Protein backbone atom coordinates (compact mmCIF):
# COMPACT_ATOMS: atom_id res chain seq x y z
CA MET A 1 14.08 6.59 -33.90
CA GLY A 2 17.31 4.84 -32.43
CA LYS A 3 17.36 1.81 -30.80
CA ILE A 4 15.67 1.73 -27.20
CA SER A 5 18.07 1.06 -24.42
CA TYR A 6 16.45 -1.22 -21.72
CA LYS A 7 17.78 -1.64 -18.33
CA LYS A 8 18.34 -5.26 -17.92
CA LEU A 9 16.73 -6.80 -14.42
CA LYS A 10 15.97 -10.34 -13.54
CA GLY A 11 13.38 -12.12 -11.28
CA SER A 12 10.02 -10.91 -10.14
CA GLN A 13 10.95 -9.36 -6.83
CA ASN A 14 9.64 -6.01 -6.36
CA LEU A 15 8.14 -5.79 -10.03
CA ARG A 16 5.41 -3.73 -9.36
CA GLN A 17 8.05 -1.09 -7.63
CA ARG A 18 10.32 -1.40 -10.27
CA LEU A 19 7.80 -0.41 -13.19
CA VAL A 20 6.87 2.59 -10.68
CA LEU A 21 10.18 3.50 -10.85
CA ALA A 22 10.75 2.83 -14.53
CA LEU A 23 7.81 5.27 -14.96
CA LEU A 24 9.28 8.01 -12.95
CA SER A 25 12.38 8.01 -14.31
CA SER A 26 11.54 7.36 -17.67
CA THR A 27 13.66 4.06 -17.84
CA PRO A 28 12.90 1.46 -20.41
CA VAL A 29 13.27 -2.22 -18.64
CA HIS A 30 13.93 -5.80 -19.69
CA ILE A 31 12.82 -8.18 -16.78
CA GLU A 32 13.77 -11.96 -17.42
CA ASP A 33 13.29 -14.84 -15.31
CA ILE A 34 10.11 -13.79 -13.54
CA HIS A 35 8.83 -16.62 -11.36
CA ALA A 36 11.50 -19.09 -13.46
CA GLU A 37 11.90 -21.46 -10.83
CA GLU A 38 8.60 -22.11 -9.76
CA THR A 39 5.89 -24.60 -10.64
CA TRP A 40 4.04 -22.37 -12.84
CA PRO A 41 6.33 -19.87 -14.08
CA GLY A 42 5.51 -16.45 -15.66
CA LEU A 43 3.69 -13.33 -14.58
CA ARG A 44 1.14 -13.84 -11.76
CA PRO A 45 -2.66 -12.79 -12.69
CA HIS A 46 -2.42 -9.75 -10.23
CA GLU A 47 1.21 -8.74 -11.98
CA VAL A 48 -0.67 -8.86 -15.42
CA SER A 49 -3.45 -6.64 -13.85
CA PHE A 50 -1.31 -4.28 -12.66
CA ILE A 51 0.64 -3.68 -16.10
CA ARG A 52 -3.10 -3.37 -17.70
CA LEU A 53 -3.70 -0.81 -15.19
CA LEU A 54 -0.44 1.26 -15.66
CA GLU A 55 -1.67 1.36 -19.23
CA LYS A 56 -4.73 2.83 -18.33
CA VAL A 57 -3.27 5.50 -16.40
CA CYS A 58 -0.81 5.97 -18.48
CA ASP A 59 -0.30 7.18 -22.54
CA ASP A 60 2.24 5.57 -25.03
CA CYS A 61 2.91 2.75 -22.66
CA SER A 62 4.62 -0.27 -24.38
CA VAL A 63 4.56 -3.69 -23.04
CA GLU A 64 5.73 -6.80 -24.42
CA ILE A 65 5.35 -10.24 -22.39
CA ASN A 66 6.85 -13.51 -24.08
CA ASP A 67 4.71 -16.51 -24.12
CA THR A 68 5.35 -17.98 -21.01
CA GLY A 69 5.56 -14.76 -19.17
CA THR A 70 9.02 -15.07 -17.68
CA LYS A 71 10.03 -12.02 -19.76
CA LEU A 72 8.74 -8.72 -19.87
CA LYS A 73 9.50 -5.28 -21.88
CA PHE A 74 8.31 -2.06 -20.69
CA LYS A 75 8.59 1.32 -22.16
CA PRO A 76 7.18 4.01 -20.01
CA GLY A 77 5.18 6.70 -21.37
CA ILE A 78 3.70 9.55 -20.07
CA VAL A 79 1.84 9.41 -16.86
CA MET A 80 -1.62 11.01 -17.67
CA GLY A 81 -4.14 10.57 -15.22
CA GLY A 82 -7.56 11.03 -15.94
CA ARG A 83 -11.30 10.66 -14.38
CA ASN A 84 -14.09 8.29 -14.31
CA LEU A 85 -11.42 5.22 -14.76
CA VAL A 86 -12.53 1.71 -13.79
CA HIS A 87 -9.99 -1.12 -13.25
CA GLU A 88 -10.91 -4.79 -12.63
CA CYS A 89 -8.28 -5.98 -9.87
CA ALA A 90 -7.02 -9.46 -9.94
CA LEU A 91 -8.47 -11.65 -6.95
CA ASN A 92 -5.41 -13.15 -5.77
CA ARG A 93 -4.58 -9.80 -4.29
CA ALA A 94 -6.32 -7.06 -2.83
CA ILE A 95 -6.97 -3.51 -3.97
CA GLY A 96 -4.10 -2.65 -1.33
CA TYR A 97 -1.50 -3.99 -3.94
CA TYR A 98 -2.79 -1.55 -6.36
CA LEU A 99 -3.23 1.53 -3.98
CA GLU A 100 0.17 2.65 -3.47
CA PRO A 101 1.79 2.73 -6.80
CA LEU A 102 -1.60 4.52 -7.94
CA ILE A 103 -1.18 6.99 -5.51
CA VAL A 104 2.56 7.66 -6.14
CA LEU A 105 2.07 7.84 -9.88
CA GLY A 106 -1.32 10.17 -9.72
CA LEU A 107 0.63 12.88 -7.94
CA PHE A 108 2.94 13.32 -10.90
CA ALA A 109 0.22 12.94 -13.52
CA LYS A 110 -0.87 15.51 -15.90
CA LYS A 111 -4.49 15.44 -14.90
CA PRO A 112 -6.06 14.63 -11.40
CA LEU A 113 -6.80 10.95 -11.02
CA ASN A 114 -10.13 9.56 -10.33
CA ILE A 115 -10.39 5.86 -10.47
CA THR A 116 -12.54 3.31 -9.22
CA LEU A 117 -11.13 -0.03 -8.44
CA LYS A 118 -13.12 -3.47 -7.90
CA GLY A 119 -12.09 -6.45 -6.04
CA ILE A 120 -11.00 -7.46 -2.56
CA THR A 121 -10.74 -4.45 -0.15
CA ASN A 122 -9.36 -6.41 2.98
CA ASP A 123 -7.20 -9.32 3.42
CA SER A 124 -4.25 -10.37 5.06
CA LYS A 125 -1.45 -9.89 2.34
CA ASP A 126 -1.82 -6.38 1.64
CA PRO A 127 -2.86 -3.20 3.45
CA SER A 128 -6.37 -2.75 3.85
CA VAL A 129 -8.37 0.11 1.99
CA ASP A 130 -8.65 1.42 5.66
CA THR A 131 -5.30 1.56 6.54
CA PHE A 132 -4.73 3.70 3.28
CA ARG A 133 -7.42 6.09 4.25
CA SER A 134 -6.69 6.44 7.83
CA THR A 135 -2.76 6.17 7.57
CA THR A 136 -1.23 6.67 4.12
CA LEU A 137 -3.35 9.70 2.83
CA PRO A 138 -2.67 11.74 6.04
CA MET A 139 1.14 10.82 5.64
CA LEU A 140 1.14 12.52 2.33
CA LYS A 141 0.30 15.96 3.98
CA HIS A 142 3.58 15.94 5.56
CA PHE A 143 5.18 16.37 1.81
CA GLY A 144 2.89 19.20 0.97
CA VAL A 145 0.17 17.07 -0.75
CA PRO A 146 -3.17 18.95 -0.63
CA SER A 147 -6.23 17.63 1.20
CA GLU A 148 -8.23 18.81 -1.36
CA GLY A 149 -9.01 16.20 -3.75
CA LEU A 150 -7.33 13.59 -2.28
CA ASP A 151 -9.77 11.14 -1.21
CA LEU A 152 -10.56 7.17 -0.87
CA GLU A 153 -13.96 6.25 -0.55
CA ILE A 154 -15.27 2.66 0.28
CA LEU A 155 -18.54 2.08 -1.80
CA SER A 156 -18.60 -1.48 -0.79
CA ARG A 157 -16.83 -4.23 0.77
CA GLY A 158 -15.36 -7.25 -0.72
CA SER A 159 -13.57 -10.38 1.28
CA ALA A 160 -11.62 -13.04 -0.58
CA PRO A 161 -11.94 -15.25 -2.42
CA GLN A 162 -14.55 -13.95 -4.43
CA GLY A 163 -14.11 -10.12 -3.85
CA GLY A 164 -17.22 -7.83 -4.87
CA GLY A 165 -15.56 -4.66 -3.17
CA GLU A 166 -15.21 -1.30 -4.53
CA VAL A 167 -13.15 1.94 -3.78
CA LEU A 168 -12.99 5.36 -5.19
CA LEU A 169 -9.32 6.69 -5.13
CA SER A 170 -9.02 10.46 -6.00
CA VAL A 171 -5.51 12.13 -6.20
CA PRO A 172 -4.50 15.45 -6.89
CA VAL A 173 -2.00 16.70 -8.85
CA VAL A 174 1.26 18.57 -7.32
CA GLN A 175 3.64 20.84 -9.07
CA SER A 176 6.39 19.34 -6.58
CA LEU A 177 6.54 17.71 -3.08
CA THR A 178 8.09 19.56 -0.08
CA ALA A 179 11.37 17.97 1.71
CA VAL A 180 10.60 16.63 5.22
CA THR A 181 12.66 17.07 8.59
CA TRP A 182 10.16 14.30 10.39
CA THR A 183 12.16 12.72 13.23
CA ASP A 184 9.89 13.54 16.26
CA GLU A 185 7.49 10.60 16.80
CA GLY A 186 5.69 11.85 19.62
CA MET A 187 3.90 10.24 22.27
CA VAL A 188 0.48 8.20 21.59
CA LYS A 189 -2.40 10.37 22.20
CA ARG A 190 -5.69 8.06 21.19
CA ILE A 191 -6.21 4.68 19.47
CA ARG A 192 -8.47 4.77 16.78
CA GLY A 193 -9.81 1.90 14.55
CA ILE A 194 -12.49 0.37 12.44
CA THR A 195 -13.98 -3.34 12.02
CA PHE A 196 -15.57 -5.06 9.18
CA SER A 197 -17.56 -7.70 8.43
CA THR A 198 -19.33 -8.85 5.21
CA ARG A 199 -22.04 -11.80 4.96
CA VAL A 200 -21.41 -12.70 8.95
CA ALA A 201 -23.04 -11.78 11.90
CA VAL A 202 -22.47 -8.41 13.20
CA GLN A 203 -21.64 -9.80 16.94
CA PHE A 204 -18.30 -10.72 15.07
CA GLU A 205 -17.33 -7.19 15.12
CA ASN A 206 -18.62 -6.43 18.72
CA THR A 207 -16.17 -9.10 19.92
CA MET A 208 -13.05 -7.97 17.94
CA VAL A 209 -13.74 -4.42 19.01
CA TYR A 210 -14.05 -5.62 23.18
CA ALA A 211 -11.06 -7.91 22.77
CA ALA A 212 -8.93 -5.11 21.19
CA ARG A 213 -10.08 -2.36 23.71
CA GLY A 214 -9.00 -5.14 26.53
CA ILE A 215 -5.61 -4.93 25.42
CA PHE A 216 -5.49 -0.98 24.98
CA ASN A 217 -7.41 0.10 27.98
CA PRO A 218 -4.73 -0.38 30.62
CA PHE A 219 -2.50 1.96 28.70
CA LEU A 220 -4.62 4.55 27.36
CA PRO A 221 -8.11 5.95 27.85
CA ASP A 222 -8.77 7.32 24.43
CA VAL A 223 -9.65 4.36 22.38
CA HIS A 224 -12.43 4.44 20.04
CA ILE A 225 -12.84 1.61 17.01
CA PHE A 226 -15.69 1.97 14.69
CA THR A 227 -17.78 -0.85 13.15
CA ASP A 228 -18.89 -1.30 9.48
CA HIS A 229 -21.16 -4.13 9.04
CA ARG A 230 -22.26 -4.17 5.46
CA GLN A 231 -25.53 -5.89 4.00
CA GLY A 232 -26.54 -6.86 0.66
CA ALA A 233 -24.86 -5.66 -2.25
CA GLN A 234 -22.42 -3.66 -0.52
CA ALA A 235 -21.26 -6.71 1.36
CA GLY A 236 -19.26 -8.15 -1.49
CA LYS A 237 -19.72 -11.93 -2.72
CA SER A 238 -17.91 -13.97 0.29
CA PRO A 239 -18.04 -14.01 3.96
CA GLY A 240 -15.14 -12.10 6.15
CA TYR A 241 -14.32 -9.88 8.71
CA GLY A 242 -11.39 -8.08 10.26
CA ILE A 243 -9.98 -5.04 11.84
CA SER A 244 -7.81 -1.92 11.21
CA LEU A 245 -6.02 -0.07 14.09
CA VAL A 246 -4.21 3.02 13.91
CA ALA A 247 -2.26 4.85 16.90
CA GLU A 248 -1.97 9.02 16.74
CA THR A 249 0.68 10.44 17.95
CA THR A 250 0.86 14.31 19.30
CA SER A 251 3.25 15.01 16.88
CA GLY A 252 1.16 13.83 13.97
CA CYS A 253 2.28 10.42 13.12
CA CYS A 254 0.22 7.44 12.62
CA ILE A 255 1.15 3.94 13.03
CA SER A 256 -1.46 1.28 11.82
CA THR A 257 -1.46 -2.40 11.44
CA ASP A 258 -4.53 -4.45 10.05
CA THR A 259 -5.84 -7.90 8.95
CA ALA A 260 -8.80 -9.43 7.57
CA VAL A 261 -9.99 -13.27 7.83
CA SER A 262 -11.92 -15.12 5.27
CA TYR A 263 -12.04 -18.35 3.47
CA SER A 264 -8.48 -19.50 1.47
CA ARG A 265 -8.74 -18.40 -2.34
CA GLN A 266 -7.74 -21.68 -3.50
CA GLU A 267 -10.75 -23.32 -1.89
CA GLU A 268 -14.57 -22.58 -2.02
CA THR A 269 -16.22 -25.61 -1.27
CA ALA A 270 -19.60 -26.59 0.12
CA GLU A 271 -18.33 -27.71 3.57
CA LEU A 272 -18.02 -24.32 4.75
CA GLU A 273 -18.76 -25.32 8.52
CA ASP A 274 -15.55 -27.54 8.64
CA GLU A 275 -13.32 -25.27 7.09
CA GLU A 276 -14.16 -22.56 9.42
CA LYS A 277 -13.69 -24.50 12.26
CA LYS A 278 -10.27 -25.92 10.83
CA GLU A 279 -8.93 -22.38 9.43
CA LEU A 280 -10.32 -19.27 10.41
CA MET A 281 -9.13 -17.18 13.44
CA SER A 282 -11.86 -16.35 15.89
CA PRO A 283 -12.91 -12.58 16.30
CA GLU A 284 -11.65 -12.19 19.63
CA ASP A 285 -7.72 -13.56 18.57
CA VAL A 286 -8.22 -11.35 15.90
CA GLY A 287 -9.05 -8.32 18.28
CA VAL A 288 -6.17 -9.60 20.71
CA GLN A 289 -3.64 -10.20 17.61
CA MET A 290 -3.90 -6.87 16.01
CA ALA A 291 -3.96 -4.94 19.10
CA THR A 292 -0.55 -6.60 20.18
CA VAL A 293 0.81 -5.97 17.09
CA LEU A 294 -0.03 -2.43 17.04
CA LEU A 295 1.84 -2.19 20.36
CA GLY A 296 4.86 -3.73 18.88
CA GLU A 297 5.07 -1.26 15.88
CA ILE A 298 4.78 1.67 18.60
CA GLU A 299 7.41 -0.27 20.50
CA GLN A 300 9.82 -0.30 17.79
CA GLY A 301 9.66 3.57 17.11
CA GLY A 302 9.62 5.69 13.88
CA VAL A 303 7.14 8.10 12.38
CA VAL A 304 5.67 5.67 10.13
CA ASP A 305 5.11 1.63 10.71
CA SER A 306 7.09 -1.06 8.87
CA THR A 307 4.43 -1.09 6.28
CA HIS A 308 4.64 2.42 5.26
CA GLN A 309 8.74 2.45 4.95
CA GLY A 310 8.93 1.98 1.33
CA LEU A 311 6.35 4.77 0.35
CA LEU A 312 8.16 6.85 3.12
CA PHE A 313 11.43 6.54 0.89
CA LEU A 314 9.97 7.06 -2.29
CA LEU A 315 8.42 10.55 -1.34
CA CYS A 316 11.62 11.56 -0.04
CA ALA A 317 13.64 10.48 -3.03
CA LEU A 318 11.11 12.19 -5.09
CA CYS A 319 11.34 15.88 -3.64
CA PRO A 320 13.17 18.57 -5.49
CA GLN A 321 16.77 18.84 -4.46
CA ASP A 322 16.59 19.39 -0.64
CA VAL A 323 17.52 17.30 2.39
CA SER A 324 14.79 15.10 3.97
CA LYS A 325 15.82 13.57 7.37
CA VAL A 326 13.14 10.86 8.65
CA ARG A 327 13.21 8.34 11.27
CA VAL A 328 11.80 4.71 11.22
CA GLY A 329 12.36 1.65 13.20
CA LYS A 330 14.04 -1.46 12.37
CA LEU A 331 14.23 -1.30 8.46
CA SER A 332 11.76 -3.88 6.81
CA PRO A 333 12.78 -6.15 3.99
CA TYR A 334 10.21 -4.11 1.58
CA GLY A 335 12.00 -0.62 3.43
CA ILE A 336 15.85 -2.02 2.06
CA GLU A 337 14.38 -3.10 -1.25
CA THR A 338 13.30 0.39 -1.61
CA LEU A 339 16.27 2.09 -0.91
CA ARG A 340 18.00 -0.38 -3.35
CA ASN A 341 15.55 0.58 -6.17
CA ILE A 342 15.56 4.26 -5.48
CA LYS A 343 19.46 4.29 -6.01
CA ASP A 344 19.30 1.99 -9.10
CA PHE A 345 16.58 4.09 -10.84
CA LEU A 346 16.77 7.66 -9.39
CA GLY A 347 20.25 7.97 -8.47
CA VAL A 348 19.33 8.90 -4.89
CA THR A 349 21.16 7.53 -1.91
CA PHE A 350 20.44 7.77 1.68
CA VAL A 351 22.70 8.45 4.74
CA ILE A 352 21.69 5.71 7.34
CA LYS A 353 22.44 6.43 10.86
CA PRO A 354 21.29 4.14 13.87
CA ASP A 355 20.22 5.70 16.66
CA PRO A 356 21.43 3.45 19.94
CA SER A 357 19.41 5.51 22.47
CA THR A 358 16.06 4.76 20.98
CA GLY A 359 16.92 1.98 18.64
CA THR A 360 15.58 3.65 15.82
CA VAL A 361 17.31 4.39 12.39
CA ILE A 362 17.76 8.01 11.05
CA LEU A 363 17.77 8.40 7.15
CA LYS A 364 18.91 11.69 5.37
CA CYS A 365 18.89 12.12 1.74
CA VAL A 366 19.01 14.76 -1.16
CA GLY A 367 16.12 14.15 -3.25
CA SER A 368 16.88 14.72 -7.00
CA GLY A 369 14.35 12.23 -8.42
CA PHE A 370 11.60 15.30 -9.40
CA ARG A 371 14.50 16.53 -11.81
CA ASN A 372 13.93 13.44 -13.88
CA LEU A 373 10.11 14.32 -13.47
CA SER A 374 9.79 17.90 -14.28
CA ARG A 375 10.88 16.95 -17.92
CA ARG A 376 8.12 14.33 -17.97
CA ILE A 377 5.36 16.23 -16.67
CA SER A 378 6.11 19.91 -17.79
């Protein structure tokens, strides 16, 4: 066996996406200076947890981490998928951190993926499990992913800092994705959403619903926000509450936003009442803020919201050699980094053309990533 040639990278930026693309393109990577300039250098707990998750869904992966955690060698194997898998997610990031890469890898696995993830279901850093269920999974259908076998079930909720949530993700295997021409945003026809609460009064949810509807009702009559109040074992281990909102358009687009409020991960003291007064946003403010943020996402245009830009570009690049054309609003920092990583690993470039009349951006690419994948999953 010849010497392995590693792709040399530096820094911790987009580590998760780099490892996913390394798997999809069968590219060994050597990453140095991971959080090297920070007070506590090296891989963070959620990054180590994500690497262990990749080892569970893949076969023949090789991972080498130095003593300080600042250097990582990753030799990709074969994405196997599998059923009845279980993974305990690190509690410094929510389950949403792990879901996006899992969904992409699951589509190109050898077997359908069925995995239970345990940890924090809702926080303010990562997209909530509700957003994945209401927005991310329907987005995949535009690329020809069948509804059958594609599901995300919320078994229990878990708020920061102690989590206790549990979700079951099912992803079917696809032979190939379908290239899209997805530029029609349509008009917003209805707003849907869900509030959640764990180990707090149910009135918190009613307040968030009332506040959010107060923002939407002057613009749109069809607004329905459900409530999901959990108790007992299904409420996880920490108190928290939050909201997830989705604007559905006449052309089948889903624009979403979400947030969650809970006690700081760094603090779990006995003086909870003082912390609540000092730090936690009120349910009314949460409802108003997220409704306003959603209106901002709608205003900037595009067929997806800013959170989903990276996934949209990646799916376009992984289509067979056919032209995909999509419209987004202002490019997000994550979207820009995704475009760079796609070019670096898959060799796929996008033609970017601003549309001055709408303030949106049209991107066009010829997918070719699947040619690399076909050799790995055949």
